[in-house]
Amino acid sequence: MGRNEISREMGITNSVISRTAAHIGLSFDRSKIRAAMDARK
């Protein structure tokens, strides 16, 4: 699951999910975001 999905699932803001994930050594795959942005462009 991506950051936004986890945020919705847990009811916690995106920024808190991002900071906590970084703190505990998790990162999110942004290739899907890049691909979506490229498709929109």
PDB file of all heavy atoms in Angstrom:
ATOM      1  N   MET A   1       0.840  -1.200   0.000  1.00  0.00           N
ATOM      2  CA  MET A   1       0.000   0.000   0.000  1.00  0.00           C
ATOM      3  C   MET A   1       0.873   1.247   0.000  1.00  0.00           C
ATOM      4  O   MET A   1       1.937   1.280   0.612  1.00  0.00           O
ATOM      5  CB  MET A   1      -0.922   0.001   1.230  1.00  0.00           C
ATOM      6  CG  MET A   1      -1.990  -1.089   1.173  1.00  0.00           C
ATOM      7  SD  MET A   1      -3.019  -1.168   2.661  1.00  0.00           S
ATOM      8  CE  MET A   1      -3.957   0.323   2.517  1.00  0.00           C
ATOM      9  N   GLY A   2       0.406   2.257  -0.666  1.00  0.00           N
ATOM     10  CA  GLY A   2       1.113   3.525  -0.713  1.00  0.00           C
ATOM     11  C   GLY A   2       0.816   4.373   0.506  1.00  0.00           C
ATOM     12  O   GLY A   2      -0.074   4.057   1.312  1.00  0.00           O
ATOM     13  N   ARG A   3       1.534   5.431   0.632  1.00  0.00           N
ATOM     14  CA  ARG A   3       1.381   6.326   1.775  1.00  0.00           C
ATOM     15  C   ARG A   3      -0.045   6.834   1.935  1.00  0.00           C
ATOM     16  O   ARG A   3      -0.610   6.827   3.025  1.00  0.00           O
ATOM     17  CB  ARG A   3       2.341   7.506   1.652  1.00  0.00           C
ATOM     18  CG  ARG A   3       2.266   8.427   2.869  1.00  0.00           C
ATOM     19  CD  ARG A   3       2.846   9.760   2.606  1.00  0.00           C
ATOM     20  NE  ARG A   3       2.033  10.399   1.569  1.00  0.00           N
ATOM     21  CZ  ARG A   3       2.269  11.601   1.094  1.00  0.00           C
ATOM     22  NH1 ARG A   3       3.292  12.291   1.509  1.00  0.00           N
ATOM     23  NH2 ARG A   3       1.494  12.125   0.166  1.00  0.00           N
ATOM     24  N   ASN A   4      -0.659   7.291   0.823  1.00  0.00           N
ATOM     25  CA  ASN A   4      -2.011   7.841   0.905  1.00  0.00           C
ATOM     26  C   ASN A   4      -3.024   6.771   1.319  1.00  0.00           C
ATOM     27  O   ASN A   4      -3.932   7.045   2.109  1.00  0.00           O
ATOM     28  CB  ASN A   4      -2.423   8.477  -0.417  1.00  0.00           C
ATOM     29  CG  ASN A   4      -1.606   9.701  -0.740  1.00  0.00           C
ATOM     30  OD1 ASN A   4      -0.918  10.255   0.115  1.00  0.00           O
ATOM     31  ND2 ASN A   4      -1.663  10.140  -1.984  1.00  0.00           N
ATOM     32  N   GLU A   5      -2.859   5.564   0.780  1.00  0.00           N
ATOM     33  CA  GLU A   5      -3.757   4.462   1.153  1.00  0.00           C
ATOM     34  C   GLU A   5      -3.631   4.141   2.641  1.00  0.00           C
ATOM     35  O   GLU A   5      -4.633   3.951   3.338  1.00  0.00           O
ATOM     36  CB  GLU A   5      -3.412   3.199   0.360  1.00  0.00           C
ATOM     37  CG  GLU A   5      -4.022   3.102  -1.006  1.00  0.00           C
ATOM     38  CD  GLU A   5      -3.660   1.758  -1.634  1.00  0.00           C
ATOM     39  OE1 GLU A   5      -2.464   1.550  -1.927  1.00  0.00           O
ATOM     40  OE2 GLU A   5      -4.584   0.938  -1.814  1.00  0.00           O
ATOM     41  N   ILE A   6      -2.393   4.060   3.118  1.00  0.00           N
ATOM     42  CA  ILE A   6      -2.163   3.763   4.535  1.00  0.00           C
ATOM     43  C   ILE A   6      -2.758   4.879   5.397  1.00  0.00           C
ATOM     44  O   ILE A   6      -3.390   4.611   6.426  1.00  0.00           O
ATOM     45  CB  ILE A   6      -0.655   3.577   4.819  1.00  0.00           C
ATOM     46  CG1 ILE A   6      -0.139   2.319   4.109  1.00  0.00           C
ATOM     47  CG2 ILE A   6      -0.383   3.515   6.317  1.00  0.00           C
ATOM     48  CD1 ILE A   6       1.370   2.137   4.168  1.00  0.00           C
ATOM     49  N   SER A   7      -2.579   6.102   4.964  1.00  0.00           N
ATOM     50  CA  SER A   7      -3.123   7.242   5.697  1.00  0.00           C
ATOM     51  C   SER A   7      -4.638   7.119   5.848  1.00  0.00           C
ATOM     52  O   SER A   7      -5.181   7.309   6.940  1.00  0.00           O
ATOM     53  CB  SER A   7      -2.757   8.540   4.975  1.00  0.00           C
ATOM     54  OG  SER A   7      -3.385   9.639   5.571  1.00  0.00           O
ATOM     55  N   ARG A   8      -5.307   6.796   4.744  1.00  0.00           N
ATOM     56  CA  ARG A   8      -6.768   6.627   4.801  1.00  0.00           C
ATOM     57  C   ARG A   8      -7.152   5.448   5.685  1.00  0.00           C
ATOM     58  O   ARG A   8      -8.082   5.535   6.488  1.00  0.00           O
ATOM     59  CB  ARG A   8      -7.332   6.451   3.388  1.00  0.00           C
ATOM     60  CG  ARG A   8      -7.421   7.742   2.600  1.00  0.00           C
ATOM     61  CD  ARG A   8      -8.197   7.557   1.295  1.00  0.00           C
ATOM     62  NE  ARG A   8      -7.529   6.670   0.351  1.00  0.00           N
ATOM     63  CZ  ARG A   8      -6.597   7.046  -0.518  1.00  0.00           C
ATOM     64  NH1 ARG A   8      -6.227   8.306  -0.568  1.00  0.00           N
ATOM     65  NH2 ARG A   8      -6.051   6.176  -1.348  1.00  0.00           N
ATOM     66  N   GLU A   9      -6.442   4.333   5.524  1.00  0.00           N
ATOM     67  CA  GLU A   9      -6.743   3.111   6.282  1.00  0.00           C
ATOM     68  C   GLU A   9      -6.588   3.327   7.791  1.00  0.00           C
ATOM     69  O   GLU A   9      -7.409   2.874   8.584  1.00  0.00           O
ATOM     70  CB  GLU A   9      -5.833   1.974   5.808  1.00  0.00           C
ATOM     71  CG  GLU A   9      -5.997   0.678   6.550  1.00  0.00           C
ATOM     72  CD  GLU A   9      -7.264  -0.075   6.184  1.00  0.00           C
ATOM     73  OE1 GLU A   9      -7.808   0.149   5.084  1.00  0.00           O
ATOM     74  OE2 GLU A   9      -7.718  -0.875   7.015  1.00  0.00           O
ATOM     75  N   MET A  10      -5.526   4.034   8.164  1.00  0.00           N
ATOM     76  CA  MET A  10      -5.240   4.197   9.592  1.00  0.00           C
ATOM     77  C   MET A  10      -5.872   5.464  10.181  1.00  0.00           C
ATOM     78  O   MET A  10      -5.855   5.642  11.399  1.00  0.00           O
ATOM     79  CB  MET A  10      -3.721   4.210   9.822  1.00  0.00           C
ATOM     80  CG  MET A  10      -3.058   2.883   9.486  1.00  0.00           C
ATOM     81  SD  MET A  10      -1.288   2.851   9.836  1.00  0.00           S
ATOM     82  CE  MET A  10      -1.275   2.886  11.624  1.00  0.00           C
ATOM     83  N   GLY A  11      -6.360   6.349   9.310  1.00  0.00           N
ATOM     84  CA  GLY A  11      -6.951   7.592   9.807  1.00  0.00           C
ATOM     85  C   GLY A  11      -5.916   8.552  10.358  1.00  0.00           C
ATOM     86  O   GLY A  11      -6.189   9.297  11.303  1.00  0.00           O
ATOM     87  N   ILE A  12      -4.741   8.535   9.755  1.00  0.00           N
ATOM     88  CA  ILE A  12      -3.625   9.378  10.199  1.00  0.00           C
ATOM     89  C   ILE A  12      -3.166  10.209   9.004  1.00  0.00           C
ATOM     90  O   ILE A  12      -3.147   9.728   7.878  1.00  0.00           O
ATOM     91  CB  ILE A  12      -2.462   8.508  10.739  1.00  0.00           C
ATOM     92  CG1 ILE A  12      -2.951   7.688  11.945  1.00  0.00           C
ATOM     93  CG2 ILE A  12      -1.259   9.355  11.109  1.00  0.00           C
ATOM     94  CD1 ILE A  12      -1.947   6.677  12.444  1.00  0.00           C
ATOM     95  N   THR A  13      -2.763  11.439   9.242  1.00  0.00           N
ATOM     96  CA  THR A  13      -2.379  12.323   8.136  1.00  0.00           C
ATOM     97  C   THR A  13      -1.175  11.775   7.371  1.00  0.00           C
ATOM     98  O   THR A  13      -0.345  11.035   7.928  1.00  0.00           O
ATOM     99  CB  THR A  13      -2.032  13.742   8.646  1.00  0.00           C
ATOM    100  OG1 THR A  13      -0.878  13.666   9.474  1.00  0.00           O
ATOM    101  CG2 THR A  13      -3.195  14.357   9.406  1.00  0.00           C
ATOM    102  N   ASN A  14      -1.090  12.186   6.093  1.00  0.00           N
ATOM    103  CA  ASN A  14       0.006  11.753   5.218  1.00  0.00           C
ATOM    104  C   ASN A  14       1.367  12.106   5.808  1.00  0.00           C
ATOM    105  O   ASN A  14       2.308  11.314   5.745  1.00  0.00           O
ATOM    106  CB  ASN A  14      -0.118  12.421   3.838  1.00  0.00           C
ATOM    107  CG  ASN A  14      -1.310  11.945   3.060  1.00  0.00           C
ATOM    108  OD1 ASN A  14      -1.919  10.936   3.387  1.00  0.00           O
ATOM    109  ND2 ASN A  14      -1.657  12.676   2.016  1.00  0.00           N
ATOM    110  N   SER A  15       1.475  13.311   6.342  1.00  0.00           N
ATOM    111  CA  SER A  15       2.784  13.754   6.849  1.00  0.00           C
ATOM    112  C   SER A  15       3.243  12.894   8.029  1.00  0.00           C
ATOM    113  O   SER A  15       4.436  12.568   8.136  1.00  0.00           O
ATOM    114  CB  SER A  15       2.742  15.231   7.240  1.00  0.00           C
ATOM    115  OG  SER A  15       1.773  15.451   8.252  1.00  0.00           O
ATOM    116  N   VAL A  16       2.318  12.500   8.900  1.00  0.00           N
ATOM    117  CA  VAL A  16       2.681  11.640  10.036  1.00  0.00           C
ATOM    118  C   VAL A  16       3.102  10.263   9.533  1.00  0.00           C
ATOM    119  O   VAL A  16       4.097   9.685  10.006  1.00  0.00           O
ATOM    120  CB  VAL A  16       1.511  11.540  11.049  1.00  0.00           C
ATOM    121  CG1 VAL A  16       1.796  10.478  12.114  1.00  0.00           C
ATOM    122  CG2 VAL A  16       1.270  12.890  11.702  1.00  0.00           C
ATOM    123  N   ILE A  17       2.382   9.734   8.557  1.00  0.00           N
ATOM    124  CA  ILE A  17       2.753   8.433   7.972  1.00  0.00           C
ATOM    125  C   ILE A  17       4.155   8.526   7.377  1.00  0.00           C
ATOM    126  O   ILE A  17       5.006   7.651   7.606  1.00  0.00           O
ATOM    127  CB  ILE A  17       1.731   7.979   6.908  1.00  0.00           C
ATOM    128  CG1 ILE A  17       0.350   7.737   7.529  1.00  0.00           C
ATOM    129  CG2 ILE A  17       2.225   6.754   6.157  1.00  0.00           C
ATOM    130  CD1 ILE A  17       0.282   6.577   8.502  1.00  0.00           C
ATOM    131  N   SER A  18       4.432   9.588   6.633  1.00  0.00           N
ATOM    132  CA  SER A  18       5.751   9.746   5.997  1.00  0.00           C
ATOM    133  C   SER A  18       6.862   9.831   7.038  1.00  0.00           C
ATOM    134  O   SER A  18       7.899   9.163   6.912  1.00  0.00           O
ATOM    135  CB  SER A  18       5.777  11.006   5.130  1.00  0.00           C
ATOM    136  OG  SER A  18       4.933  10.853   4.032  1.00  0.00           O
ATOM    137  N   ARG A  19       6.681  10.680   8.028  1.00  0.00           N
ATOM    138  CA  ARG A  19       7.722  10.848   9.067  1.00  0.00           C
ATOM    139  C   ARG A  19       7.950   9.540   9.833  1.00  0.00           C
ATOM    140  O   ARG A  19       9.098   9.151  10.082  1.00  0.00           O
ATOM    141  CB  ARG A  19       7.332  11.968  10.034  1.00  0.00           C
ATOM    142  CG  ARG A  19       7.588  13.353   9.503  1.00  0.00           C
ATOM    143  CD  ARG A  19       7.535  14.416  10.596  1.00  0.00           C
ATOM    144  NE  ARG A  19       6.332  14.349  11.428  1.00  0.00           N
ATOM    145  CZ  ARG A  19       5.196  15.003  11.183  1.00  0.00           C
ATOM    146  NH1 ARG A  19       5.131  15.799  10.132  1.00  0.00           N
ATOM    147  NH2 ARG A  19       4.171  14.890  11.995  1.00  0.00           N
ATOM    148  N   THR A  20       6.867   8.865  10.215  1.00  0.00           N
ATOM    149  CA  THR A  20       6.996   7.624  10.978  1.00  0.00           C
ATOM    150  C   THR A  20       7.659   6.545  10.126  1.00  0.00           C
ATOM    151  O   THR A  20       8.546   5.815  10.606  1.00  0.00           O
ATOM    152  CB  THR A  20       5.625   7.141  11.482  1.00  0.00           C
ATOM    153  OG1 THR A  20       5.017   8.186  12.234  1.00  0.00           O
ATOM    154  CG2 THR A  20       5.761   5.908  12.359  1.00  0.00           C
ATOM    155  N   ALA A  21       7.250   6.424   8.874  1.00  0.00           N
ATOM    156  CA  ALA A  21       7.850   5.431   7.979  1.00  0.00           C
ATOM    157  C   ALA A  21       9.343   5.679   7.846  1.00  0.00           C
ATOM    158  O   ALA A  21      10.150   4.737   7.933  1.00  0.00           O
ATOM    159  CB  ALA A  21       7.170   5.469   6.618  1.00  0.00           C
ATOM    160  N   ALA A  22       9.739   6.908   7.661  1.00  0.00           N
ATOM    161  CA  ALA A  22      11.166   7.229   7.549  1.00  0.00           C
ATOM    162  C   ALA A  22      11.887   6.895   8.856  1.00  0.00           C
ATOM    163  O   ALA A  22      13.007   6.350   8.840  1.00  0.00           O
ATOM    164  CB  ALA A  22      11.352   8.699   7.205  1.00  0.00           C
ATOM    165  N   HIS A  23      11.257   7.177   9.975  1.00  0.00           N
ATOM    166  CA  HIS A  23      11.853   6.933  11.290  1.00  0.00           C
ATOM    167  C   HIS A  23      12.090   5.437  11.531  1.00  0.00           C
ATOM    168  O   HIS A  23      13.107   5.053  12.122  1.00  0.00           O
ATOM    169  CB  HIS A  23      10.950   7.517  12.384  1.00  0.00           C
ATOM    170  CG  HIS A  23      11.451   7.282  13.762  1.00  0.00           C
ATOM    171  ND1 HIS A  23      12.559   7.938  14.278  1.00  0.00           N
ATOM    172  CD2 HIS A  23      11.025   6.436  14.746  1.00  0.00           C
ATOM    173  CE1 HIS A  23      12.780   7.522  15.508  1.00  0.00           C
ATOM    174  NE2 HIS A  23      11.848   6.605  15.826  1.00  0.00           N
ATOM    175  N   ILE A  24      11.164   4.601  11.060  1.00  0.00           N
ATOM    176  CA  ILE A  24      11.315   3.150  11.295  1.00  0.00           C
ATOM    177  C   ILE A  24      11.937   2.422  10.100  1.00  0.00           C
ATOM    178  O   ILE A  24      11.954   1.197  10.050  1.00  0.00           O
ATOM    179  CB  ILE A  24       9.983   2.497  11.721  1.00  0.00           C
ATOM    180  CG1 ILE A  24       8.918   2.615  10.635  1.00  0.00           C
ATOM    181  CG2 ILE A  24       9.480   3.077  13.031  1.00  0.00           C
ATOM    182  CD1 ILE A  24       7.604   1.890  10.951  1.00  0.00           C
ATOM    183  N   GLY A  25      12.439   3.199   9.121  1.00  0.00           N
ATOM    184  CA  GLY A  25      13.208   2.614   8.025  1.00  0.00           C
ATOM    185  C   GLY A  25      12.385   2.105   6.849  1.00  0.00           C
ATOM    186  O   GLY A  25      12.870   1.274   6.077  1.00  0.00           O
ATOM    187  N   LEU A  26      11.185   2.592   6.701  1.00  0.00           N
ATOM    188  CA  LEU A  26      10.357   2.201   5.557  1.00  0.00           C
ATOM    189  C   LEU A  26      10.392   3.313   4.511  1.00  0.00           C
ATOM    190  O   LEU A  26      10.457   4.495   4.844  1.00  0.00           O
ATOM    191  CB  LEU A  26       8.907   1.966   5.990  1.00  0.00           C
ATOM    192  CG  LEU A  26       8.655   0.903   7.051  1.00  0.00           C
ATOM    193  CD1 LEU A  26       7.177   0.868   7.418  1.00  0.00           C
ATOM    194  CD2 LEU A  26       9.113  -0.461   6.561  1.00  0.00           C
ATOM    195  N   SER A  27      10.323   2.925   3.256  1.00  0.00           N
ATOM    196  CA  SER A  27      10.231   3.929   2.187  1.00  0.00           C
ATOM    197  C   SER A  27       9.131   3.495   1.230  1.00  0.00           C
ATOM    198  O   SER A  27       8.765   2.324   1.182  1.00  0.00           O
ATOM    199  CB  SER A  27      11.568   4.081   1.446  1.00  0.00           C
ATOM    200  OG  SER A  27      11.899   2.867   0.820  1.00  0.00           O
ATOM    201  N   PHE A  28       8.631   4.442   0.491  1.00  0.00           N
ATOM    202  CA  PHE A  28       7.535   4.171  -0.441  1.00  0.00           C
ATOM    203  C   PHE A  28       8.055   4.232  -1.869  1.00  0.00           C
ATOM    204  O   PHE A  28       8.851   5.100  -2.208  1.00  0.00           O
ATOM    205  CB  PHE A  28       6.393   5.177  -0.246  1.00  0.00           C
ATOM    206  CG  PHE A  28       5.723   5.040   1.086  1.00  0.00           C
ATOM    207  CD1 PHE A  28       6.025   5.898   2.129  1.00  0.00           C
ATOM    208  CD2 PHE A  28       4.791   4.037   1.310  1.00  0.00           C
ATOM    209  CE1 PHE A  28       5.411   5.765   3.358  1.00  0.00           C
ATOM    210  CE2 PHE A  28       4.171   3.895   2.536  1.00  0.00           C
ATOM    211  CZ  PHE A  28       4.483   4.762   3.575  1.00  0.00           C
ATOM    212  N   ASP A  29       7.583   3.301  -2.690  1.00  0.00           N
ATOM    213  CA  ASP A  29       7.956   3.247  -4.105  1.00  0.00           C
ATOM    214  C   ASP A  29       7.237   4.380  -4.831  1.00  0.00           C
ATOM    215  O   ASP A  29       6.010   4.396  -4.900  1.00  0.00           O
ATOM    216  CB  ASP A  29       7.559   1.892  -4.693  1.00  0.00           C
ATOM    217  CG  ASP A  29       7.882   1.776  -6.174  1.00  0.00           C
ATOM    218  OD1 ASP A  29       8.665   2.616  -6.687  1.00  0.00           O
ATOM    219  OD2 ASP A  29       7.364   0.842  -6.808  1.00  0.00           O
ATOM    220  N   ARG A  30       7.980   5.309  -5.331  1.00  0.00           N
ATOM    221  CA  ARG A  30       7.381   6.456  -6.006  1.00  0.00           C
ATOM    222  C   ARG A  30       7.324   6.282  -7.525  1.00  0.00           C
ATOM    223  O   ARG A  30       6.902   7.174  -8.235  1.00  0.00           O
ATOM    224  CB  ARG A  30       8.136   7.732  -5.653  1.00  0.00           C
ATOM    225  CG  ARG A  30       8.084   7.990  -4.151  1.00  0.00           C
ATOM    226  CD  ARG A  30       8.540   9.368  -3.815  1.00  0.00           C
ATOM    227  NE  ARG A  30       8.606   9.514  -2.378  1.00  0.00           N
ATOM    228  CZ  ARG A  30       7.731  10.196  -1.681  1.00  0.00           C
ATOM    229  NH1 ARG A  30       6.737  10.781  -2.274  1.00  0.00           N
ATOM    230  NH2 ARG A  30       7.859  10.302  -0.382  1.00  0.00           N
ATOM    231  N   SER A  31       7.725   5.126  -8.009  1.00  0.00           N
ATOM    232  CA  SER A  31       7.714   4.911  -9.463  1.00  0.00           C
ATOM    233  C   SER A  31       6.291   4.954 -10.010  1.00  0.00           C
ATOM    234  O   SER A  31       6.064   5.422 -11.129  1.00  0.00           O
ATOM    235  CB  SER A  31       8.392   3.589  -9.825  1.00  0.00           C
ATOM    236  OG  SER A  31       7.691   2.491  -9.268  1.00  0.00           O
ATOM    237  N   LYS A  32       5.315   4.481  -9.224  1.00  0.00           N
ATOM    238  CA  LYS A  32       3.926   4.530  -9.676  1.00  0.00           C
ATOM    239  C   LYS A  32       3.446   5.977  -9.776  1.00  0.00           C
ATOM    240  O   LYS A  32       2.718   6.335 -10.697  1.00  0.00           O
ATOM    241  CB  LYS A  32       3.023   3.742  -8.730  1.00  0.00           C
ATOM    242  CG  LYS A  32       3.255   2.249  -8.768  1.00  0.00           C
ATOM    243  CD  LYS A  32       2.357   1.532  -7.777  1.00  0.00           C
ATOM    244  CE  LYS A  32       2.677   0.047  -7.721  1.00  0.00           C
ATOM    245  NZ  LYS A  32       1.911  -0.628  -6.679  1.00  0.00           N
ATOM    246  N   ILE A  33       3.876   6.788  -8.814  1.00  0.00           N
ATOM    247  CA  ILE A  33       3.496   8.207  -8.840  1.00  0.00           C
ATOM    248  C   ILE A  33       4.103   8.874 -10.069  1.00  0.00           C
ATOM    249  O   ILE A  33       3.436   9.619 -10.777  1.00  0.00           O
ATOM    250  CB  ILE A  33       3.953   8.918  -7.549  1.00  0.00           C
ATOM    251  CG1 ILE A  33       3.189   8.347  -6.350  1.00  0.00           C
ATOM    252  CG2 ILE A  33       3.759  10.424  -7.644  1.00  0.00           C
ATOM    253  CD1 ILE A  33       3.730   8.783  -5.005  1.00  0.00           C
ATOM    254  N   ARG A  34       5.378   8.584 -10.329  1.00  0.00           N
ATOM    255  CA  ARG A  34       6.069   9.163 -11.493  1.00  0.00           C
ATOM    256  C   ARG A  34       5.368   8.724 -12.779  1.00  0.00           C
ATOM    257  O   ARG A  34       5.140   9.534 -13.677  1.00  0.00           O
ATOM    258  CB  ARG A  34       7.537   8.732 -11.491  1.00  0.00           C
ATOM    259  CG  ARG A  34       8.334   9.059 -12.748  1.00  0.00           C
ATOM    260  CD  ARG A  34       8.346  10.494 -13.172  1.00  0.00           C
ATOM    261  NE  ARG A  34       8.920  11.370 -12.190  1.00  0.00           N
ATOM    262  CZ  ARG A  34       8.790  12.685 -12.242  1.00  0.00           C
ATOM    263  NH1 ARG A  34       8.122  13.256 -13.214  1.00  0.00           N
ATOM    264  NH2 ARG A  34       9.322  13.445 -11.327  1.00  0.00           N
ATOM    265  N   ALA A  35       5.013   7.449 -12.863  1.00  0.00           N
ATOM    266  CA  ALA A  35       4.339   6.938 -14.061  1.00  0.00           C
ATOM    267  C   ALA A  35       2.980   7.623 -14.243  1.00  0.00           C
ATOM    268  O   ALA A  35       2.610   7.991 -15.365  1.00  0.00           O
ATOM    269  CB  ALA A  35       4.163   5.427 -13.964  1.00  0.00           C
ATOM    270  N   ALA A  36       2.250   7.825 -13.148  1.00  0.00           N
ATOM    271  CA  ALA A  36       0.943   8.497 -13.230  1.00  0.00           C
ATOM    272  C   ALA A  36       1.120   9.949 -13.668  1.00  0.00           C
ATOM    273  O   ALA A  36       0.345  10.456 -14.487  1.00  0.00           O
ATOM    274  CB  ALA A  36       0.228   8.427 -11.888  1.00  0.00           C
ATOM    275  N   MET A  37       2.141  10.622 -13.141  1.00  0.00           N
ATOM    276  CA  MET A  37       2.399  12.011 -13.535  1.00  0.00           C
ATOM    277  C   MET A  37       2.779  12.090 -15.015  1.00  0.00           C
ATOM    278  O   MET A  37       2.317  12.984 -15.730  1.00  0.00           O
ATOM    279  CB  MET A  37       3.505  12.613 -12.663  1.00  0.00           C
ATOM    280  CG  MET A  37       3.044  12.911 -11.250  1.00  0.00           C
ATOM    281  SD  MET A  37       4.370  13.466 -10.138  1.00  0.00           S
ATOM    282  CE  MET A  37       5.154  14.761 -11.050  1.00  0.00           C
ATOM    283  N   ASP A  38       3.603  11.153 -15.459  1.00  0.00           N
ATOM    284  CA  ASP A  38       3.997  11.131 -16.873  1.00  0.00           C
ATOM    285  C   ASP A  38       2.784  10.890 -17.775  1.00  0.00           C
ATOM    286  O   ASP A  38       2.655  11.512 -18.832  1.00  0.00           O
ATOM    287  CB  ASP A  38       5.063  10.052 -17.121  1.00  0.00           C
ATOM    288  CG  ASP A  38       6.415  10.395 -16.509  1.00  0.00           C
ATOM    289  OD1 ASP A  38       6.622  11.578 -16.140  1.00  0.00           O
ATOM    290  OD2 ASP A  38       7.256   9.481 -16.383  1.00  0.00           O
ATOM    291  N   ALA A  39       1.901  10.002 -17.339  1.00  0.00           N
ATOM    292  CA  ALA A  39       0.697   9.722 -18.129  1.00  0.00           C
ATOM    293  C   ALA A  39      -0.199  10.957 -18.191  1.00  0.00           C
ATOM    294  O   ALA A  39      -0.739  11.288 -19.257  1.00  0.00           O
ATOM    295  CB  ALA A  39      -0.063   8.543 -17.524  1.00  0.00           C
ATOM    296  N   ARG A  40      -0.366  11.647 -17.075  1.00  0.00           N
ATOM    297  CA  ARG A  40      -1.184  12.880 -17.067  1.00  0.00           C
ATOM    298  C   ARG A  40      -0.574  13.936 -17.972  1.00  0.00           C
ATOM    299  O   ARG A  40      -1.278  14.630 -18.700  1.00  0.00           O
ATOM    300  CB  ARG A  40      -1.339  13.413 -15.645  1.00  0.00           C
ATOM    301  CG  ARG A  40      -2.433  12.713 -14.865  1.00  0.00           C
ATOM    302  CD  ARG A  40      -2.767  13.463 -13.590  1.00  0.00           C
ATOM    303  NE  ARG A  40      -1.671  13.442 -12.648  1.00  0.00           N
ATOM    304  CZ  ARG A  40      -1.546  12.592 -11.641  1.00  0.00           C
ATOM    305  NH1 ARG A  40      -2.468  11.688 -11.435  1.00  0.00           N
ATOM    306  NH2 ARG A  40      -0.509  12.641 -10.839  1.00  0.00           N
ATOM    307  N   LYS A  41       0.750  14.065 -17.920  1.00  0.00           N
ATOM    308  CA  LYS A  41       1.413  15.054 -18.778  1.00  0.00           C
ATOM    309  C   LYS A  41       1.219  14.707 -20.251  1.00  0.00           C
ATOM    310  O   LYS A  41       0.948  15.589 -21.066  1.00  0.00           O
ATOM    311  CB  LYS A  41       2.899  15.153 -18.455  1.00  0.00           C
ATOM    312  CG  LYS A  41       3.586  16.241 -19.294  1.00  0.00           C
ATOM    313  CD  LYS A  41       5.017  16.424 -18.936  1.00  0.00           C
ATOM    314  CE  LYS A  41       5.724  17.484 -19.735  1.00  0.00           C
ATOM    315  NZ  LYS A  41       5.212  17.838 -21.023  1.00  0.00           N
TER     316      LYS A  41
END
